[in-house]
Amino acid sequence: MAEGFFNFYNKNPGYVGISAGTQPATSIKPYAIEVMKEKGIDLAKQKPKMITWSMVQKAHRIYTMGCTQGCPIIPPEKTEDWNLEDPGEKSIEKIIEIRDAIEERIKRLILDLH
């Protein structure tokens, strides 16, 4: 969701949002596709990605959703933890709440980049 929002709202070609994890799923969850469609963003063709050292090195900033522990390749000086719940196995209302929190943080992040 964060990658979708960042790349939807960001107009600066010098920045690209990439979401990745230490244990990515095999596919984007249907609920994520559904709630993002409500915002006009299509995630249907997206694939979960494993975070790599190359991604970390190229990143301007890294934002985590509560994953600073147990993520050895994430340097603390580039990282901010947003402490967001994993939307998996949550009610649709909670998933929408998490989606909206991600959207607001992404909008503030983009304003700070410009």
N, C-alpha and C. Protein backbone atom coordinates (compact mmCIF):
# COMPACT_ATOMS: atom_id res chain seq x y z
N MET A 1 0.82 -1.18 0.00
CA MET A 1 0.00 0.00 0.00
C MET A 1 0.88 1.26 0.00
N ALA A 2 1.96 1.24 0.79
CA ALA A 2 2.83 2.41 0.85
C ALA A 2 3.46 2.70 -0.50
N GLU A 3 3.94 1.67 -1.17
CA GLU A 3 4.53 1.86 -2.50
C GLU A 3 3.50 2.43 -3.46
N GLY A 4 2.30 1.89 -3.44
CA GLY A 4 1.24 2.38 -4.31
C GLY A 4 0.93 3.84 -4.06
N PHE A 5 0.76 4.21 -2.79
CA PHE A 5 0.47 5.61 -2.46
C PHE A 5 1.63 6.53 -2.85
N PHE A 6 2.86 6.12 -2.52
CA PHE A 6 4.00 6.98 -2.82
C PHE A 6 4.09 7.25 -4.32
N ASN A 7 4.03 6.21 -5.10
CA ASN A 7 4.20 6.38 -6.54
C ASN A 7 2.98 7.04 -7.20
N PHE A 8 1.84 7.00 -6.56
CA PHE A 8 0.64 7.69 -7.04
C PHE A 8 0.73 9.19 -6.79
N TYR A 9 1.14 9.58 -5.59
CA TYR A 9 1.18 11.00 -5.21
C TYR A 9 2.47 11.71 -5.57
N ASN A 10 3.58 11.00 -5.62
CA ASN A 10 4.87 11.64 -5.87
C ASN A 10 4.99 12.08 -7.32
N LYS A 11 5.39 13.32 -7.52
CA LYS A 11 5.58 13.86 -8.88
C LYS A 11 7.05 14.16 -9.16
N ASN A 12 7.92 13.87 -8.21
CA ASN A 12 9.35 14.12 -8.37
C ASN A 12 10.02 12.87 -8.93
N PRO A 13 10.52 12.91 -10.17
CA PRO A 13 11.12 11.71 -10.77
C PRO A 13 12.40 11.25 -10.08
N GLY A 14 12.93 12.06 -9.18
CA GLY A 14 14.13 11.67 -8.45
C GLY A 14 13.86 10.68 -7.32
N TYR A 15 12.59 10.44 -7.04
CA TYR A 15 12.22 9.51 -5.97
C TYR A 15 11.24 8.46 -6.49
N VAL A 16 11.44 7.24 -6.05
CA VAL A 16 10.55 6.13 -6.36
C VAL A 16 10.32 5.35 -5.07
N GLY A 17 9.08 5.02 -4.82
CA GLY A 17 8.76 4.21 -3.65
C GLY A 17 8.85 2.73 -3.98
N ILE A 18 9.48 1.97 -3.09
CA ILE A 18 9.56 0.51 -3.25
C ILE A 18 9.24 -0.10 -1.89
N SER A 19 8.27 -1.00 -1.89
CA SER A 19 7.95 -1.74 -0.67
C SER A 19 8.61 -3.11 -0.76
N ALA A 20 9.19 -3.52 0.34
CA ALA A 20 9.84 -4.83 0.39
C ALA A 20 9.84 -5.30 1.83
N GLY A 21 10.03 -6.57 2.02
CA GLY A 21 10.04 -7.10 3.37
C GLY A 21 11.05 -8.21 3.55
N THR A 22 11.20 -8.64 4.78
CA THR A 22 12.14 -9.71 5.10
C THR A 22 11.50 -11.08 4.88
N GLN A 23 10.18 -11.13 4.90
CA GLN A 23 9.45 -12.38 4.65
C GLN A 23 8.23 -12.06 3.78
N PRO A 24 8.46 -11.67 2.52
CA PRO A 24 7.34 -11.27 1.68
C PRO A 24 6.40 -12.44 1.37
N ALA A 25 5.13 -12.11 1.22
CA ALA A 25 4.13 -13.10 0.81
C ALA A 25 4.39 -13.49 -0.64
N THR A 26 3.67 -14.46 -1.11
CA THR A 26 3.83 -14.89 -2.50
C THR A 26 3.02 -14.02 -3.46
N SER A 27 2.02 -13.31 -2.91
CA SER A 27 1.22 -12.42 -3.76
C SER A 27 0.63 -11.31 -2.89
N ILE A 28 0.18 -10.25 -3.55
CA ILE A 28 -0.49 -9.16 -2.84
C ILE A 28 -1.82 -9.69 -2.33
N LYS A 29 -2.13 -9.39 -1.10
CA LYS A 29 -3.38 -9.86 -0.49
C LYS A 29 -4.58 -9.23 -1.20
N PRO A 30 -5.63 -10.02 -1.44
CA PRO A 30 -6.83 -9.48 -2.11
C PRO A 30 -7.42 -8.27 -1.38
N TYR A 31 -7.38 -8.26 -0.05
CA TYR A 31 -7.94 -7.12 0.68
C TYR A 31 -7.16 -5.84 0.37
N ALA A 32 -5.85 -5.94 0.18
CA ALA A 32 -5.04 -4.75 -0.14
C ALA A 32 -5.42 -4.23 -1.52
N ILE A 33 -5.60 -5.13 -2.45
CA ILE A 33 -6.02 -4.73 -3.81
C ILE A 33 -7.37 -4.04 -3.74
N GLU A 34 -8.29 -4.62 -2.97
CA GLU A 34 -9.65 -4.07 -2.86
C GLU A 34 -9.67 -2.67 -2.24
N VAL A 35 -9.00 -2.50 -1.10
CA VAL A 35 -9.06 -1.19 -0.43
C VAL A 35 -8.28 -0.12 -1.18
N MET A 36 -7.26 -0.51 -1.93
CA MET A 36 -6.52 0.48 -2.72
C MET A 36 -7.30 0.89 -3.97
N LYS A 37 -8.09 -0.02 -4.53
CA LYS A 37 -8.94 0.35 -5.67
C LYS A 37 -9.89 1.47 -5.28
N GLU A 38 -10.35 1.46 -4.01
CA GLU A 38 -11.23 2.53 -3.53
C GLU A 38 -10.55 3.89 -3.61
N LYS A 39 -9.22 3.91 -3.62
CA LYS A 39 -8.44 5.15 -3.71
C LYS A 39 -7.95 5.42 -5.13
N GLY A 40 -8.35 4.57 -6.07
CA GLY A 40 -7.95 4.77 -7.46
C GLY A 40 -6.58 4.22 -7.79
N ILE A 41 -6.06 3.32 -6.96
CA ILE A 41 -4.73 2.75 -7.17
C ILE A 41 -4.86 1.25 -7.38
N ASP A 42 -4.32 0.75 -8.49
CA ASP A 42 -4.42 -0.67 -8.83
C ASP A 42 -3.13 -1.39 -8.46
N LEU A 43 -3.25 -2.29 -7.50
CA LEU A 43 -2.09 -3.09 -7.07
C LEU A 43 -2.10 -4.50 -7.66
N ALA A 44 -3.07 -4.80 -8.51
CA ALA A 44 -3.26 -6.17 -8.99
C ALA A 44 -2.02 -6.75 -9.67
N LYS A 45 -1.21 -5.93 -10.30
CA LYS A 45 -0.03 -6.45 -11.01
C LYS A 45 1.24 -6.39 -10.16
N GLN A 46 1.12 -5.88 -8.94
CA GLN A 46 2.29 -5.78 -8.07
C GLN A 46 2.65 -7.15 -7.48
N LYS A 47 3.90 -7.33 -7.15
CA LYS A 47 4.38 -8.57 -6.53
C LYS A 47 5.15 -8.20 -5.26
N PRO A 48 4.97 -8.95 -4.20
CA PRO A 48 5.78 -8.72 -2.99
C PRO A 48 7.26 -8.93 -3.31
N LYS A 49 8.11 -8.14 -2.66
CA LYS A 49 9.54 -8.19 -2.92
C LYS A 49 10.32 -8.43 -1.63
N MET A 50 11.40 -9.15 -1.76
CA MET A 50 12.33 -9.35 -0.65
C MET A 50 13.25 -8.14 -0.59
N ILE A 51 13.44 -7.59 0.59
CA ILE A 51 14.37 -6.47 0.72
C ILE A 51 15.79 -6.96 0.48
N THR A 52 16.56 -6.17 -0.24
CA THR A 52 17.93 -6.55 -0.57
C THR A 52 18.89 -5.47 -0.06
N TRP A 53 20.12 -5.85 0.04
CA TRP A 53 21.16 -4.89 0.45
C TRP A 53 21.26 -3.75 -0.55
N SER A 54 21.10 -4.06 -1.83
CA SER A 54 21.14 -3.03 -2.87
C SER A 54 20.03 -2.01 -2.66
N MET A 55 18.82 -2.46 -2.33
CA MET A 55 17.71 -1.54 -2.05
C MET A 55 18.06 -0.62 -0.87
N VAL A 56 18.61 -1.20 0.17
CA VAL A 56 18.97 -0.45 1.36
C VAL A 56 20.02 0.60 1.04
N GLN A 57 21.03 0.23 0.27
CA GLN A 57 22.10 1.16 -0.09
C GLN A 57 21.59 2.33 -0.93
N LYS A 58 20.65 2.07 -1.83
CA LYS A 58 20.14 3.10 -2.73
C LYS A 58 19.07 3.98 -2.07
N ALA A 59 18.50 3.52 -0.97
CA ALA A 59 17.38 4.22 -0.35
C ALA A 59 17.80 5.55 0.27
N HIS A 60 17.00 6.56 0.02
CA HIS A 60 17.18 7.86 0.68
C HIS A 60 16.75 7.73 2.14
N ARG A 61 15.60 7.13 2.35
CA ARG A 61 15.04 6.87 3.68
C ARG A 61 14.36 5.51 3.64
N ILE A 62 14.24 4.89 4.82
CA ILE A 62 13.55 3.61 4.96
C ILE A 62 12.51 3.78 6.05
N TYR A 63 11.29 3.39 5.74
CA TYR A 63 10.20 3.46 6.70
C TYR A 63 9.69 2.05 6.94
N THR A 64 9.63 1.67 8.20
CA THR A 64 9.17 0.33 8.54
C THR A 64 7.83 0.41 9.24
N MET A 65 7.17 -0.72 9.30
CA MET A 65 5.86 -0.81 9.96
C MET A 65 6.00 -1.61 11.25
N GLY A 66 7.04 -1.37 12.01
CA GLY A 66 7.24 -2.10 13.25
C GLY A 66 8.26 -3.20 13.11
N CYS A 67 9.17 -3.06 12.16
CA CYS A 67 10.12 -4.13 11.84
C CYS A 67 11.57 -3.71 12.07
N THR A 68 11.84 -2.88 13.02
CA THR A 68 13.24 -2.51 13.22
C THR A 68 14.00 -3.60 13.95
N GLN A 69 13.31 -4.39 14.74
CA GLN A 69 13.94 -5.53 15.41
C GLN A 69 13.98 -6.71 14.44
N GLY A 70 15.09 -7.37 14.36
CA GLY A 70 15.19 -8.54 13.50
C GLY A 70 15.38 -8.22 12.03
N CYS A 71 15.70 -7.00 11.70
CA CYS A 71 15.95 -6.60 10.31
C CYS A 71 17.41 -6.14 10.23
N PRO A 72 18.34 -7.06 10.17
CA PRO A 72 19.75 -6.70 10.31
C PRO A 72 20.33 -5.82 9.22
N ILE A 73 19.71 -5.77 8.03
CA ILE A 73 20.31 -4.97 6.97
C ILE A 73 19.78 -3.54 6.94
N ILE A 74 18.90 -3.20 7.86
CA ILE A 74 18.31 -1.87 7.85
C ILE A 74 19.10 -0.95 8.78
N PRO A 75 19.81 0.03 8.22
CA PRO A 75 20.64 0.91 9.06
C PRO A 75 19.77 1.91 9.83
N PRO A 76 19.96 2.03 11.13
CA PRO A 76 19.12 2.91 11.95
C PRO A 76 19.20 4.38 11.55
N GLU A 77 20.32 4.82 11.02
CA GLU A 77 20.47 6.24 10.66
C GLU A 77 19.60 6.63 9.46
N LYS A 78 19.12 5.67 8.68
CA LYS A 78 18.25 5.94 7.53
C LYS A 78 16.80 5.53 7.79
N THR A 79 16.52 5.01 8.97
CA THR A 79 15.26 4.33 9.20
C THR A 79 14.37 5.04 10.20
N GLU A 80 13.08 5.08 9.86
CA GLU A 80 12.06 5.55 10.80
C GLU A 80 10.98 4.47 10.86
N ASP A 81 10.61 4.11 12.07
CA ASP A 81 9.57 3.10 12.25
C ASP A 81 8.22 3.79 12.40
N TRP A 82 7.28 3.44 11.56
CA TRP A 82 5.94 4.02 11.62
C TRP A 82 5.05 3.27 12.60
N ASN A 83 5.50 2.14 13.11
CA ASN A 83 4.78 1.37 14.12
C ASN A 83 3.31 1.16 13.73
N LEU A 84 3.10 0.67 12.54
CA LEU A 84 1.76 0.36 12.05
C LEU A 84 1.50 -1.14 12.16
N GLU A 85 0.26 -1.48 12.42
CA GLU A 85 -0.11 -2.88 12.50
C GLU A 85 -0.07 -3.53 11.12
N ASP A 86 0.23 -4.82 11.11
CA ASP A 86 0.13 -5.60 9.88
C ASP A 86 -1.36 -5.79 9.60
N PRO A 87 -1.84 -5.41 8.42
CA PRO A 87 -3.27 -5.52 8.15
C PRO A 87 -3.76 -6.96 7.96
N GLY A 88 -2.85 -7.91 7.82
CA GLY A 88 -3.25 -9.30 7.61
C GLY A 88 -4.14 -9.80 8.73
N GLU A 89 -5.18 -10.53 8.35
CA GLU A 89 -6.12 -11.15 9.28
C GLU A 89 -6.92 -10.15 10.12
N LYS A 90 -6.98 -8.91 9.71
CA LYS A 90 -7.77 -7.89 10.41
C LYS A 90 -9.13 -7.75 9.72
N SER A 91 -10.05 -7.10 10.40
CA SER A 91 -11.36 -6.81 9.80
C SER A 91 -11.16 -5.78 8.68
N ILE A 92 -12.10 -5.72 7.78
CA ILE A 92 -12.00 -4.76 6.67
C ILE A 92 -11.97 -3.33 7.21
N GLU A 93 -12.68 -3.06 8.29
CA GLU A 93 -12.66 -1.72 8.89
C GLU A 93 -11.27 -1.36 9.39
N LYS A 94 -10.59 -2.32 10.02
CA LYS A 94 -9.24 -2.10 10.52
C LYS A 94 -8.26 -1.94 9.36
N ILE A 95 -8.44 -2.72 8.32
CA ILE A 95 -7.57 -2.62 7.14
C ILE A 95 -7.70 -1.23 6.52
N ILE A 96 -8.92 -0.72 6.43
CA ILE A 96 -9.13 0.62 5.89
C ILE A 96 -8.48 1.67 6.79
N GLU A 97 -8.57 1.47 8.09
CA GLU A 97 -7.92 2.40 9.05
C GLU A 97 -6.40 2.41 8.85
N ILE A 98 -5.80 1.24 8.68
CA ILE A 98 -4.36 1.14 8.45
C ILE A 98 -4.00 1.77 7.10
N ARG A 99 -4.80 1.48 6.08
CA ARG A 99 -4.57 2.08 4.75
C ARG A 99 -4.58 3.60 4.83
N ASP A 100 -5.56 4.14 5.54
CA ASP A 100 -5.67 5.59 5.64
C ASP A 100 -4.50 6.20 6.42
N ALA A 101 -4.01 5.48 7.43
CA ALA A 101 -2.84 5.95 8.18
C ALA A 101 -1.60 5.96 7.28
N ILE A 102 -1.45 4.93 6.47
CA ILE A 102 -0.33 4.88 5.52
C ILE A 102 -0.43 6.04 4.53
N GLU A 103 -1.62 6.28 4.01
CA GLU A 103 -1.80 7.36 3.04
C GLU A 103 -1.42 8.71 3.64
N GLU A 104 -1.86 8.99 4.84
CA GLU A 104 -1.53 10.27 5.47
C GLU A 104 -0.03 10.42 5.69
N ARG A 105 0.63 9.36 6.11
CA ARG A 105 2.08 9.44 6.32
C ARG A 105 2.82 9.63 5.01
N ILE A 106 2.35 8.97 3.98
CA ILE A 106 2.99 9.13 2.66
C ILE A 106 2.80 10.56 2.16
N LYS A 107 1.64 11.13 2.32
CA LYS A 107 1.41 12.51 1.89
C LYS A 107 2.34 13.47 2.63
N ARG A 108 2.51 13.28 3.94
CA ARG A 108 3.43 14.15 4.71
C ARG A 108 4.87 13.94 4.25
N LEU A 109 5.24 12.70 4.00
CA LEU A 109 6.59 12.39 3.53
C LEU A 109 6.86 13.10 2.21
N ILE A 110 5.94 13.04 1.29
CA ILE A 110 6.14 13.69 -0.02
C ILE A 110 6.27 15.21 0.15
N LEU A 111 5.48 15.80 1.01
CA LEU A 111 5.61 17.24 1.27
C LEU A 111 7.00 17.57 1.82
N ASP A 112 7.52 16.71 2.68
CA ASP A 112 8.85 16.94 3.25
C ASP A 112 9.96 16.79 2.21
N LEU A 113 9.74 16.00 1.18
CA LEU A 113 10.75 15.77 0.14
C LEU A 113 10.85 16.95 -0.83
N HIS A 114 9.82 17.75 -0.92
CA HIS A 114 9.80 18.84 -1.91
C HIS A 114 10.22 20.16 -1.31
